[in-house]
N, C-alpha and C. Protein backbone atom coordinates (compact mmCIF):
# COMPACT_ATOMS: atom_id res chain seq x y z
N MET A 1 221.91 116.28 58.52
CA MET A 1 222.44 115.46 57.44
C MET A 1 222.37 113.99 57.83
N SER A 2 222.35 113.11 56.85
CA SER A 2 222.32 111.68 57.13
C SER A 2 223.65 111.24 57.69
N GLU A 3 223.66 110.14 58.43
CA GLU A 3 224.83 109.71 59.17
C GLU A 3 225.88 109.04 58.29
N SER A 4 225.48 108.24 57.32
CA SER A 4 226.42 107.46 56.53
C SER A 4 226.94 108.28 55.37
N SER A 5 228.25 108.21 55.14
CA SER A 5 228.86 108.96 54.05
C SER A 5 228.26 108.54 52.72
N GLY A 6 227.77 109.52 51.97
CA GLY A 6 227.19 109.25 50.66
C GLY A 6 225.74 108.83 50.69
N PHE A 7 225.24 108.44 51.84
CA PHE A 7 223.85 108.02 51.97
C PHE A 7 222.97 109.25 52.17
N LYS A 8 221.95 109.42 51.34
CA LYS A 8 221.11 110.61 51.42
C LYS A 8 219.69 110.26 51.87
N ILE A 9 219.15 111.13 52.69
CA ILE A 9 217.75 111.03 53.07
C ILE A 9 217.03 112.22 52.45
N ILE A 10 215.97 111.94 51.69
CA ILE A 10 215.22 112.97 50.98
C ILE A 10 213.77 112.93 51.44
N ALA A 11 213.28 114.04 51.92
CA ALA A 11 211.90 114.16 52.39
C ALA A 11 211.07 114.89 51.35
N VAL A 12 209.91 114.33 51.01
CA VAL A 12 209.01 114.95 50.05
C VAL A 12 207.63 115.06 50.70
N ASP A 13 207.18 116.30 50.91
CA ASP A 13 205.89 116.54 51.53
C ASP A 13 204.96 117.27 50.57
N GLY A 14 203.68 117.27 50.90
CA GLY A 14 202.70 117.99 50.10
C GLY A 14 201.31 117.43 50.34
N GLY A 15 200.31 118.17 49.91
CA GLY A 15 198.93 117.73 50.07
C GLY A 15 198.55 116.67 49.06
N ALA A 16 197.29 116.28 49.10
CA ALA A 16 196.79 115.25 48.18
C ALA A 16 196.92 115.71 46.74
N ALA A 17 197.33 114.80 45.86
CA ALA A 17 197.39 115.02 44.41
C ALA A 17 198.35 116.13 44.01
N THR A 18 199.40 116.32 44.79
CA THR A 18 200.44 117.27 44.39
C THR A 18 201.56 116.58 43.61
N GLY A 19 201.47 115.27 43.46
CA GLY A 19 202.46 114.54 42.68
C GLY A 19 203.55 113.88 43.50
N LYS A 20 203.34 113.75 44.81
CA LYS A 20 204.37 113.19 45.68
C LYS A 20 204.79 111.79 45.25
N SER A 21 203.81 110.92 45.03
CA SER A 21 204.12 109.51 44.77
C SER A 21 204.80 109.31 43.43
N SER A 22 204.21 109.86 42.36
CA SER A 22 204.80 109.66 41.04
C SER A 22 206.18 110.30 40.96
N THR A 23 206.35 111.46 41.56
CA THR A 23 207.65 112.13 41.56
C THR A 23 208.66 111.34 42.37
N SER A 24 208.29 110.91 43.56
CA SER A 24 209.22 110.19 44.43
C SER A 24 209.64 108.86 43.84
N ARG A 25 208.70 108.15 43.23
CA ARG A 25 209.04 106.87 42.61
C ARG A 25 210.02 107.07 41.46
N ALA A 26 209.79 108.09 40.64
CA ALA A 26 210.68 108.34 39.51
C ALA A 26 212.07 108.73 39.98
N ILE A 27 212.15 109.54 41.03
CA ILE A 27 213.45 109.92 41.58
C ILE A 27 214.16 108.71 42.17
N ALA A 28 213.40 107.84 42.84
CA ALA A 28 213.99 106.63 43.41
C ALA A 28 214.63 105.76 42.33
N GLU A 29 213.95 105.62 41.21
CA GLU A 29 214.50 104.83 40.10
C GLU A 29 215.75 105.48 39.54
N ARG A 30 215.70 106.77 39.36
CA ARG A 30 216.82 107.46 38.73
C ARG A 30 218.07 107.47 39.62
N LEU A 31 217.87 107.66 40.93
CA LEU A 31 219.01 107.81 41.83
C LEU A 31 219.28 106.58 42.69
N LYS A 32 218.56 105.49 42.42
CA LYS A 32 218.76 104.22 43.12
C LYS A 32 218.49 104.35 44.62
N LEU A 33 217.39 105.01 44.94
CA LEU A 33 216.98 105.21 46.32
C LEU A 33 215.88 104.22 46.71
N MET A 34 215.75 103.96 47.99
CA MET A 34 214.60 103.20 48.48
C MET A 34 213.44 104.16 48.66
N HIS A 35 212.29 103.83 48.12
CA HIS A 35 211.12 104.70 48.16
C HIS A 35 210.14 104.23 49.23
N VAL A 36 209.69 105.17 50.05
CA VAL A 36 208.71 104.87 51.10
C VAL A 36 207.55 105.85 50.98
N ASP A 37 206.37 105.32 50.82
CA ASP A 37 205.13 106.10 50.73
C ASP A 37 204.41 106.00 52.06
N THR A 38 204.53 107.04 52.90
CA THR A 38 203.89 106.96 54.22
C THR A 38 202.38 107.10 54.14
N GLY A 39 201.87 107.67 53.04
CA GLY A 39 200.43 107.65 52.85
C GLY A 39 199.91 106.23 52.76
N ALA A 40 200.68 105.36 52.10
CA ALA A 40 200.31 103.95 52.02
C ALA A 40 200.40 103.29 53.39
N HIS A 41 201.32 103.76 54.25
CA HIS A 41 201.38 103.24 55.62
C HIS A 41 200.05 103.48 56.33
N TYR A 42 199.54 104.71 56.23
CA TYR A 42 198.29 105.03 56.92
C TYR A 42 197.11 104.30 56.30
N ARG A 43 197.16 104.09 55.00
CA ARG A 43 196.11 103.32 54.35
C ARG A 43 196.15 101.85 54.79
N THR A 44 197.36 101.29 54.85
CA THR A 44 197.51 99.90 55.26
C THR A 44 197.06 99.72 56.71
N LEU A 45 197.44 100.66 57.56
CA LEU A 45 197.04 100.58 58.96
C LEU A 45 195.53 100.78 59.11
N THR A 46 194.97 101.69 58.34
CA THR A 46 193.51 101.89 58.36
C THR A 46 192.79 100.61 57.95
N TYR A 47 193.29 99.98 56.89
CA TYR A 47 192.70 98.72 56.42
C TYR A 47 192.72 97.67 57.54
N ALA A 48 193.85 97.57 58.25
CA ALA A 48 193.96 96.59 59.34
C ALA A 48 193.03 96.95 60.49
N LEU A 49 192.94 98.22 60.82
CA LEU A 49 192.09 98.63 61.94
C LEU A 49 190.61 98.42 61.61
N LEU A 50 190.21 98.73 60.39
CA LEU A 50 188.82 98.50 60.00
C LEU A 50 188.49 97.01 60.07
N ASN A 51 189.42 96.17 59.64
CA ASN A 51 189.19 94.72 59.70
C ASN A 51 189.09 94.24 61.14
N ALA A 52 189.73 94.98 62.06
CA ALA A 52 189.66 94.61 63.48
C ALA A 52 188.47 95.23 64.18
N GLY A 53 187.63 95.96 63.42
CA GLY A 53 186.43 96.55 63.99
C GLY A 53 186.63 97.90 64.64
N ALA A 54 187.75 98.58 64.34
CA ALA A 54 188.04 99.87 64.96
C ALA A 54 187.13 100.96 64.39
N ASP A 55 186.92 101.99 65.20
CA ASP A 55 186.12 103.14 64.81
C ASP A 55 186.91 104.39 65.18
N SER A 56 187.21 105.25 64.19
CA SER A 56 187.98 106.46 64.46
C SER A 56 187.25 107.39 65.42
N ALA A 57 185.94 107.23 65.54
CA ALA A 57 185.16 108.05 66.46
C ALA A 57 185.25 107.55 67.90
N ALA A 58 185.90 106.40 68.11
CA ALA A 58 186.10 105.85 69.45
C ALA A 58 187.60 105.64 69.67
N PRO A 59 188.37 106.73 69.76
CA PRO A 59 189.84 106.63 69.79
C PRO A 59 190.40 105.93 71.01
N ASN A 60 189.66 105.89 72.12
CA ASN A 60 190.19 105.24 73.32
C ASN A 60 190.41 103.74 73.14
N ALA A 61 189.71 103.15 72.18
CA ALA A 61 189.87 101.71 71.95
C ALA A 61 191.01 101.40 70.99
N ILE A 62 191.55 102.41 70.32
CA ILE A 62 192.56 102.19 69.28
C ILE A 62 193.89 101.66 69.83
N PRO A 63 194.45 102.21 70.92
CA PRO A 63 195.76 101.74 71.40
C PRO A 63 195.82 100.23 71.64
N ALA A 64 194.78 99.66 72.21
CA ALA A 64 194.79 98.22 72.47
C ALA A 64 194.84 97.43 71.16
N LEU A 65 194.13 97.90 70.16
CA LEU A 65 194.17 97.23 68.86
C LEU A 65 195.55 97.36 68.22
N LEU A 66 196.18 98.51 68.36
CA LEU A 66 197.50 98.72 67.78
C LEU A 66 198.53 97.79 68.39
N GLU A 67 198.38 97.50 69.67
CA GLU A 67 199.33 96.61 70.34
C GLU A 67 199.34 95.21 69.75
N SER A 68 198.27 94.84 69.08
CA SER A 68 198.19 93.49 68.49
C SER A 68 198.79 93.43 67.09
N LEU A 69 199.28 94.56 66.60
CA LEU A 69 199.79 94.62 65.23
C LEU A 69 201.31 94.66 65.21
N GLN A 70 201.91 93.75 64.46
CA GLN A 70 203.36 93.68 64.30
C GLN A 70 203.75 94.26 62.95
N LEU A 71 204.60 95.28 62.97
CA LEU A 71 204.99 95.96 61.74
C LEU A 71 206.32 95.42 61.21
N ASP A 72 206.39 95.29 59.90
CA ASP A 72 207.63 94.86 59.25
C ASP A 72 207.67 95.49 57.86
N THR A 73 208.76 95.28 57.15
CA THR A 73 208.96 95.87 55.83
C THR A 73 209.18 94.81 54.78
N THR A 74 208.49 94.94 53.67
CA THR A 74 208.67 94.07 52.51
C THR A 74 209.15 94.92 51.35
N ILE A 75 210.25 94.51 50.71
CA ILE A 75 210.80 95.26 49.59
C ILE A 75 210.26 94.70 48.28
N GLN A 76 209.67 95.57 47.48
CA GLN A 76 209.22 95.21 46.14
C GLN A 76 209.83 96.21 45.16
N GLY A 77 210.82 95.76 44.40
CA GLY A 77 211.54 96.68 43.52
C GLY A 77 212.29 97.69 44.35
N ARG A 78 212.00 98.98 44.15
CA ARG A 78 212.63 100.03 44.96
C ARG A 78 211.72 100.53 46.07
N SER A 79 210.54 99.94 46.21
CA SER A 79 209.59 100.39 47.21
C SER A 79 209.63 99.52 48.46
N ALA A 80 209.57 100.17 49.61
CA ALA A 80 209.48 99.47 50.89
C ALA A 80 208.03 99.54 51.35
N LEU A 81 207.38 98.40 51.45
CA LEU A 81 205.96 98.34 51.78
C LEU A 81 205.77 97.91 53.23
N LEU A 82 204.77 98.46 53.87
CA LEU A 82 204.44 98.10 55.24
C LEU A 82 203.73 96.76 55.27
N SER A 83 204.26 95.86 56.07
CA SER A 83 203.64 94.56 56.31
C SER A 83 203.10 94.56 57.74
N ILE A 84 201.86 94.14 57.91
CA ILE A 84 201.24 94.07 59.24
C ILE A 84 200.89 92.62 59.54
N ASN A 85 201.48 92.12 60.61
CA ASN A 85 201.30 90.71 61.00
C ASN A 85 201.59 89.78 59.82
N GLY A 86 202.66 90.11 59.10
CA GLY A 86 203.13 89.26 58.01
C GLY A 86 202.37 89.41 56.71
N HIS A 87 201.49 90.40 56.61
CA HIS A 87 200.65 90.53 55.41
C HIS A 87 200.76 91.92 54.81
N VAL A 88 200.98 91.98 53.49
CA VAL A 88 200.94 93.23 52.75
C VAL A 88 199.66 93.22 51.91
N PRO A 89 198.67 94.04 52.25
CA PRO A 89 197.43 94.02 51.48
C PRO A 89 197.65 94.53 50.07
N ALA A 90 196.79 94.12 49.16
CA ALA A 90 196.87 94.57 47.77
C ALA A 90 196.56 96.06 47.69
N ASP A 91 197.09 96.71 46.67
CA ASP A 91 196.87 98.14 46.50
C ASP A 91 195.38 98.45 46.40
N ALA A 92 194.63 97.60 45.72
CA ALA A 92 193.19 97.84 45.60
C ALA A 92 192.50 97.81 46.96
N GLN A 93 193.00 97.01 47.88
CA GLN A 93 192.40 96.92 49.20
C GLN A 93 192.63 98.19 50.01
N ILE A 94 193.83 98.75 49.95
CA ILE A 94 194.11 99.94 50.75
C ILE A 94 193.62 101.23 50.08
N ARG A 95 193.11 101.11 48.85
CA ARG A 95 192.54 102.28 48.16
C ARG A 95 191.05 102.08 47.87
N SER A 96 190.43 101.23 48.65
CA SER A 96 189.00 100.98 48.50
C SER A 96 188.21 102.19 48.99
N PRO A 97 186.94 102.31 48.61
CA PRO A 97 186.12 103.42 49.11
C PRO A 97 186.05 103.47 50.64
N GLU A 98 186.04 102.30 51.28
CA GLU A 98 185.96 102.25 52.74
C GLU A 98 187.20 102.86 53.37
N VAL A 99 188.38 102.50 52.84
CA VAL A 99 189.62 103.06 53.37
C VAL A 99 189.72 104.54 53.02
N ASN A 100 189.35 104.90 51.79
CA ASN A 100 189.40 106.31 51.39
C ASN A 100 188.59 107.19 52.34
N ALA A 101 187.45 106.68 52.78
CA ALA A 101 186.56 107.47 53.63
C ALA A 101 187.08 107.63 55.05
N LYS A 102 187.98 106.74 55.48
CA LYS A 102 188.39 106.73 56.88
C LYS A 102 189.86 107.08 57.13
N VAL A 103 190.70 107.00 56.10
CA VAL A 103 192.14 107.09 56.34
C VAL A 103 192.56 108.40 56.97
N SER A 104 192.03 109.53 56.53
CA SER A 104 192.46 110.81 57.11
C SER A 104 191.98 110.95 58.55
N LYS A 105 190.87 110.28 58.88
CA LYS A 105 190.35 110.34 60.25
C LYS A 105 191.23 109.52 61.20
N PHE A 106 191.63 108.33 60.76
CA PHE A 106 192.55 107.54 61.57
C PHE A 106 193.92 108.22 61.64
N ALA A 107 194.37 108.79 60.52
CA ALA A 107 195.69 109.42 60.48
C ALA A 107 195.76 110.64 61.40
N ALA A 108 194.64 111.22 61.73
CA ALA A 108 194.63 112.39 62.61
C ALA A 108 194.77 112.01 64.08
N LEU A 109 194.64 110.73 64.41
CA LEU A 109 194.70 110.30 65.81
C LEU A 109 196.15 110.25 66.29
N GLU A 110 196.39 110.83 67.45
CA GLU A 110 197.74 110.85 68.01
C GLU A 110 198.29 109.44 68.22
N SER A 111 197.45 108.52 68.68
CA SER A 111 197.92 107.15 68.94
C SER A 111 198.39 106.48 67.66
N VAL A 112 197.71 106.74 66.55
CA VAL A 112 198.07 106.13 65.28
C VAL A 112 199.39 106.72 64.77
N ARG A 113 199.56 108.02 64.86
CA ARG A 113 200.78 108.65 64.36
C ARG A 113 201.98 108.26 65.22
N GLU A 114 201.78 108.18 66.52
CA GLU A 114 202.87 107.74 67.39
C GLU A 114 203.25 106.29 67.13
N PHE A 115 202.26 105.48 66.81
CA PHE A 115 202.51 104.06 66.53
C PHE A 115 203.41 103.89 65.31
N LEU A 116 203.22 104.74 64.30
CA LEU A 116 204.00 104.63 63.07
C LEU A 116 205.31 105.42 63.10
N PHE A 117 205.47 106.32 64.05
CA PHE A 117 206.61 107.23 64.05
C PHE A 117 207.96 106.51 64.01
N GLN A 118 208.23 105.66 64.98
CA GLN A 118 209.52 104.98 65.03
C GLN A 118 209.70 104.03 63.86
N TYR A 119 208.62 103.38 63.45
CA TYR A 119 208.71 102.49 62.28
C TYR A 119 209.15 103.28 61.06
N GLN A 120 208.54 104.45 60.84
CA GLN A 120 208.90 105.23 59.66
C GLN A 120 210.34 105.71 59.74
N ARG A 121 210.78 106.13 60.89
CA ARG A 121 212.18 106.53 61.03
C ARG A 121 213.13 105.35 60.80
N SER A 122 212.71 104.16 61.16
CA SER A 122 213.57 102.99 61.02
C SER A 122 213.83 102.62 59.57
N GLN A 123 213.05 103.17 58.66
CA GLN A 123 213.23 102.82 57.25
C GLN A 123 214.56 103.33 56.70
N ALA A 124 215.14 104.35 57.33
CA ALA A 124 216.46 104.80 56.91
C ALA A 124 217.49 103.69 57.13
N GLN A 125 217.39 102.99 58.27
CA GLN A 125 218.33 101.90 58.53
C GLN A 125 218.07 100.71 57.61
N VAL A 126 216.80 100.46 57.28
CA VAL A 126 216.49 99.40 56.32
C VAL A 126 217.20 99.68 55.01
N ALA A 127 217.13 100.92 54.54
CA ALA A 127 217.79 101.29 53.28
C ALA A 127 219.31 101.18 53.39
N ARG A 128 219.86 101.60 54.54
CA ARG A 128 221.31 101.51 54.72
C ARG A 128 221.79 100.07 54.68
N ASP A 129 220.98 99.17 55.21
CA ASP A 129 221.39 97.77 55.30
C ASP A 129 221.32 97.03 53.97
N LEU A 130 220.68 97.63 52.97
CA LEU A 130 220.53 96.99 51.67
C LEU A 130 221.45 97.68 50.67
N ALA A 131 222.43 96.94 50.16
CA ALA A 131 223.51 97.53 49.36
C ALA A 131 223.01 98.16 48.06
N GLU A 132 221.83 97.74 47.58
CA GLU A 132 221.37 98.27 46.29
C GLU A 132 220.83 99.69 46.37
N PHE A 133 220.69 100.24 47.58
CA PHE A 133 220.14 101.59 47.72
C PHE A 133 221.21 102.59 48.12
N THR A 134 221.19 103.75 47.46
CA THR A 134 222.14 104.82 47.79
C THR A 134 221.57 105.80 48.81
N GLY A 135 220.32 105.60 49.17
CA GLY A 135 219.68 106.48 50.13
C GLY A 135 218.19 106.17 50.22
N LEU A 136 217.47 107.08 50.85
CA LEU A 136 216.04 106.91 51.11
C LEU A 136 215.29 108.14 50.63
N ILE A 137 214.19 107.94 49.92
CA ILE A 137 213.27 109.03 49.63
C ILE A 137 211.93 108.67 50.24
N MET A 138 211.46 109.50 51.15
CA MET A 138 210.22 109.23 51.87
C MET A 138 209.24 110.36 51.61
N GLU A 139 208.01 110.01 51.28
CA GLU A 139 206.99 111.00 50.95
C GLU A 139 205.85 110.94 51.95
N GLY A 140 205.22 112.10 52.16
CA GLY A 140 204.08 112.14 53.06
C GLY A 140 203.66 113.56 53.34
N ARG A 141 203.16 113.79 54.56
CA ARG A 141 202.69 115.11 54.95
C ARG A 141 203.43 115.68 56.15
N ASP A 142 204.28 114.86 56.78
CA ASP A 142 205.05 115.35 57.93
C ASP A 142 206.48 114.84 57.91
N ILE A 143 207.00 114.53 56.74
CA ILE A 143 208.32 113.91 56.67
C ILE A 143 209.42 114.93 57.00
N GLY A 144 209.40 116.07 56.32
CA GLY A 144 210.42 117.08 56.57
C GLY A 144 210.23 117.84 57.87
N SER A 145 209.03 117.79 58.44
CA SER A 145 208.75 118.53 59.68
C SER A 145 208.87 117.66 60.92
N ILE A 146 208.52 116.37 60.82
CA ILE A 146 208.46 115.51 62.01
C ILE A 146 209.36 114.28 61.89
N ILE A 147 209.24 113.53 60.81
CA ILE A 147 209.95 112.25 60.71
C ILE A 147 211.44 112.45 60.49
N PHE A 148 211.80 113.24 59.47
CA PHE A 148 213.20 113.52 59.18
C PHE A 148 213.43 115.03 59.03
N PRO A 149 213.35 115.78 60.15
CA PRO A 149 213.54 117.22 60.05
C PRO A 149 214.97 117.60 59.66
N ASN A 150 215.92 116.67 59.80
CA ASN A 150 217.30 116.93 59.42
C ASN A 150 217.70 116.18 58.15
N ALA A 151 216.72 115.87 57.32
CA ALA A 151 217.02 115.19 56.05
C ALA A 151 217.98 116.02 55.22
N ASP A 152 218.74 115.33 54.37
CA ASP A 152 219.68 116.04 53.51
C ASP A 152 218.97 117.01 52.58
N PHE A 153 217.80 116.62 52.09
CA PHE A 153 216.99 117.48 51.23
C PHE A 153 215.53 117.36 51.64
N ARG A 154 214.87 118.51 51.72
CA ARG A 154 213.45 118.52 52.05
C ARG A 154 212.72 119.33 50.98
N PHE A 155 211.75 118.69 50.34
CA PHE A 155 210.98 119.32 49.29
C PHE A 155 209.52 119.39 49.71
N PHE A 156 208.84 120.46 49.29
CA PHE A 156 207.40 120.60 49.53
C PHE A 156 206.74 120.83 48.18
N LEU A 157 205.92 119.87 47.75
CA LEU A 157 205.24 119.95 46.45
C LEU A 157 203.86 120.57 46.63
N PHE A 158 203.47 121.41 45.67
CA PHE A 158 202.15 122.01 45.72
C PHE A 158 201.65 122.24 44.30
N ALA A 159 200.35 122.45 44.17
CA ALA A 159 199.72 122.76 42.88
C ALA A 159 198.38 123.40 43.16
N ASP A 160 197.82 124.08 42.16
CA ASP A 160 196.54 124.72 42.36
C ASP A 160 195.44 123.67 42.55
N GLU A 161 194.35 124.09 43.21
CA GLU A 161 193.30 123.14 43.60
C GLU A 161 192.64 122.48 42.40
N ALA A 162 192.44 123.22 41.30
CA ALA A 162 191.79 122.64 40.12
C ALA A 162 192.63 121.52 39.52
N THR A 163 193.92 121.73 39.43
CA THR A 163 194.82 120.70 38.90
C THR A 163 194.80 119.47 39.78
N ARG A 164 194.84 119.69 41.07
CA ARG A 164 194.86 118.57 42.00
C ARG A 164 193.54 117.80 41.96
N ALA A 165 192.42 118.51 41.85
CA ALA A 165 191.12 117.85 41.78
C ALA A 165 191.02 116.99 40.53
N ALA A 166 191.56 117.49 39.40
CA ALA A 166 191.54 116.72 38.16
C ALA A 166 192.39 115.47 38.29
N ARG A 167 193.55 115.60 38.92
CA ARG A 167 194.41 114.43 39.14
C ARG A 167 193.71 113.41 40.02
N ARG A 168 193.07 113.89 41.06
CA ARG A 168 192.36 113.01 41.99
C ARG A 168 191.25 112.26 41.26
N SER A 169 190.53 112.97 40.41
CA SER A 169 189.45 112.35 39.65
C SER A 169 189.99 111.30 38.69
N ASN A 170 191.12 111.60 38.05
CA ASN A 170 191.73 110.64 37.12
C ASN A 170 192.18 109.37 37.83
N ASP A 171 192.50 109.50 39.13
CA ASP A 171 192.89 108.33 39.93
C ASP A 171 191.69 107.59 40.51
N GLY A 172 190.48 108.08 40.18
CA GLY A 172 189.28 107.41 40.67
C GLY A 172 188.88 107.80 42.07
N GLN A 173 189.48 108.89 42.61
CA GLN A 173 189.16 109.34 43.96
C GLN A 173 188.13 110.46 43.87
N THR A 174 187.17 110.45 44.77
CA THR A 174 186.08 111.42 44.72
C THR A 174 186.03 112.34 45.93
N ASP A 175 187.00 112.20 46.86
CA ASP A 175 186.96 113.04 48.05
C ASP A 175 187.37 114.47 47.69
N SER A 176 186.93 115.43 48.50
CA SER A 176 187.19 116.85 48.26
C SER A 176 188.61 117.22 48.64
N ILE A 177 189.33 117.85 47.70
CA ILE A 177 190.69 118.32 47.97
C ILE A 177 190.68 119.33 49.12
N ALA A 178 189.73 120.27 49.09
CA ALA A 178 189.67 121.30 50.13
C ALA A 178 189.42 120.69 51.50
N GLU A 179 188.51 119.72 51.58
CA GLU A 179 188.22 119.08 52.85
C GLU A 179 189.42 118.28 53.36
N ARG A 180 190.10 117.59 52.44
CA ARG A 180 191.27 116.80 52.85
C ARG A 180 192.38 117.73 53.34
N ASP A 181 192.62 118.83 52.64
CA ASP A 181 193.62 119.79 53.09
C ASP A 181 193.30 120.33 54.48
N LYS A 182 192.02 120.63 54.69
CA LYS A 182 191.61 121.17 55.98
C LYS A 182 191.87 120.17 57.10
N ARG A 183 191.50 118.91 56.88
CA ARG A 183 191.73 117.89 57.91
C ARG A 183 193.22 117.71 58.16
N ASP A 184 194.02 117.67 57.08
CA ASP A 184 195.45 117.44 57.23
C ASP A 184 196.16 118.60 57.92
N SER A 185 195.77 119.82 57.58
CA SER A 185 196.47 120.98 58.11
C SER A 185 196.00 121.39 59.50
N GLN A 186 194.78 120.98 59.87
CA GLN A 186 194.23 121.38 61.17
C GLN A 186 194.28 120.30 62.23
N ARG A 187 194.76 119.11 61.88
CA ARG A 187 194.83 118.07 62.90
C ARG A 187 195.83 118.47 63.98
N LYS A 188 195.61 118.02 65.18
CA LYS A 188 196.41 118.41 66.34
C LYS A 188 197.82 117.86 66.25
N THR A 189 197.96 116.61 65.81
CA THR A 189 199.25 115.94 65.79
C THR A 189 199.84 115.95 64.39
N ALA A 190 201.07 116.45 64.24
CA ALA A 190 201.81 116.44 62.97
C ALA A 190 200.98 116.96 61.80
N PRO A 191 200.50 118.19 61.88
CA PRO A 191 199.71 118.73 60.76
C PRO A 191 200.55 118.92 59.51
N LEU A 192 199.87 118.96 58.37
CA LEU A 192 200.53 119.25 57.10
C LEU A 192 201.01 120.69 57.09
N VAL A 193 202.32 120.88 56.95
CA VAL A 193 202.90 122.22 56.84
C VAL A 193 204.04 122.15 55.83
N CYS A 194 204.41 123.30 55.31
CA CYS A 194 205.64 123.38 54.53
C CYS A 194 206.76 123.58 55.54
N PRO A 195 207.66 122.60 55.70
CA PRO A 195 208.71 122.74 56.71
C PRO A 195 209.58 123.96 56.44
N GLU A 196 209.98 124.62 57.50
CA GLU A 196 210.85 125.78 57.36
C GLU A 196 212.14 125.37 56.66
N GLY A 197 212.49 126.09 55.60
CA GLY A 197 213.71 125.78 54.86
C GLY A 197 213.53 124.77 53.75
N ALA A 198 212.34 124.19 53.62
CA ALA A 198 212.11 123.21 52.54
C ALA A 198 212.07 123.92 51.19
N ILE A 199 212.42 123.20 50.15
CA ILE A 199 212.39 123.72 48.79
C ILE A 199 211.00 123.50 48.22
N ARG A 200 210.31 124.57 47.88
CA ARG A 200 208.96 124.49 47.35
C ARG A 200 209.01 124.25 45.84
N VAL A 201 208.19 123.31 45.38
CA VAL A 201 208.14 122.97 43.95
C VAL A 201 206.69 122.97 43.49
N ASP A 202 206.35 123.85 42.56
CA ASP A 202 205.01 123.92 42.00
C ASP A 202 204.88 122.89 40.88
N THR A 203 204.11 121.83 41.13
CA THR A 203 203.97 120.75 40.14
C THR A 203 202.81 120.98 39.19
N GLY A 204 202.05 122.06 39.40
CA GLY A 204 200.86 122.31 38.58
C GLY A 204 201.16 122.52 37.11
N PRO A 205 202.05 123.47 36.76
CA PRO A 205 202.27 123.77 35.34
C PRO A 205 203.29 122.89 34.64
N LEU A 206 203.92 121.98 35.39
CA LEU A 206 205.02 121.21 34.83
C LEU A 206 204.66 119.75 34.63
N PRO A 207 205.13 119.12 33.54
CA PRO A 207 204.97 117.68 33.39
C PRO A 207 205.85 116.95 34.40
N LEU A 208 205.49 115.72 34.69
CA LEU A 208 206.21 114.94 35.70
C LEU A 208 207.71 114.92 35.43
N GLU A 209 208.11 114.68 34.18
CA GLU A 209 209.53 114.56 33.86
C GLU A 209 210.29 115.83 34.22
N SER A 210 209.66 116.99 34.02
CA SER A 210 210.32 118.26 34.35
C SER A 210 210.49 118.42 35.86
N VAL A 211 209.48 118.00 36.61
CA VAL A 211 209.57 118.06 38.07
C VAL A 211 210.70 117.16 38.56
N VAL A 212 210.75 115.96 38.01
CA VAL A 212 211.80 115.00 38.40
C VAL A 212 213.17 115.53 38.05
N GLU A 213 213.33 116.07 36.86
CA GLU A 213 214.62 116.64 36.43
C GLU A 213 215.05 117.76 37.37
N HIS A 214 214.11 118.62 37.72
CA HIS A 214 214.40 119.76 38.58
C HIS A 214 214.90 119.29 39.94
N ILE A 215 214.19 118.35 40.56
CA ILE A 215 214.55 117.88 41.89
C ILE A 215 215.86 117.09 41.85
N CYS A 216 216.03 116.24 40.85
CA CYS A 216 217.26 115.46 40.75
C CYS A 216 218.47 116.37 40.57
N ALA A 217 218.31 117.45 39.83
CA ALA A 217 219.41 118.39 39.62
C ALA A 217 219.85 119.02 40.94
N ILE A 218 218.88 119.30 41.80
CA ILE A 218 219.21 119.88 43.12
C ILE A 218 219.93 118.85 43.97
N ILE A 219 219.45 117.62 43.96
CA ILE A 219 220.03 116.58 44.81
C ILE A 219 221.46 116.23 44.38
N THR A 220 221.70 116.21 43.09
CA THR A 220 223.01 115.75 42.59
C THR A 220 223.98 116.89 42.30
N ALA A 221 223.58 118.12 42.56
CA ALA A 221 224.46 119.27 42.27
C ALA A 221 225.75 119.20 43.11
C-alpha cells in the first residue's frame, strides 16, 4: 500500500495498443491523479541516445552516455513528463519513425532500465509533494511487477491482436504487434508480464468510457 494516508498509487500494465495511455489519462482527470507514461520515458531516452550517436547493438557504450544525462520532471496539466538535460522533446519527436524503430531495442537493455528505475519510482514523491494530486497513476509494461509491486491497485490491460493492430494503425504506427509483444515479453530485464494478483481488464470489446468507469469503480469502492 502507499505510504501517505489517502494517497493512492495505481499501476497500469499491458502490451502495445491495449489502451494504457488513453485509459490512464482519463482516470487521472477523473480522480485528480498525476499521470506518468513510462513508455514516453523510454521514447524520450531513446531520442536522446540516438542524438548522442548511441547504437542499441553496441550496449557497452551506453552506460557512459547515460551518465551524461540529467533527468528531471516537468508537469503539464496532470501529466508528468521526463525532461533530459532541461529539455522535454515534442511528442512528434519521440514518436518519429526513427524512435519507433529503436525504442523497444533500447528498452530491452539492462543499463537503460536500471537508469530509469529510481527515477520512475521517485515520481510517487513528486505527486505527493504537489497538493493538486490525490495520487499517482503510472502506465507501462513493468509497473505492477517491478516499479510498484506494492501499488494500491494493479491493473493489466489486454485486447485481441486484431483490435490492437487496428488501433496501432489508426495512431500511424506500422510496427508488428506480435513482434513487439515478443520483444517485450522475452527481454531478459523486466519482461512484460501480468503481475500476480493484478486485475485483468479486456479493453477489446469495450469503449474507452466503459473501461474507465469499470476501473474507477474498483479504485473508489
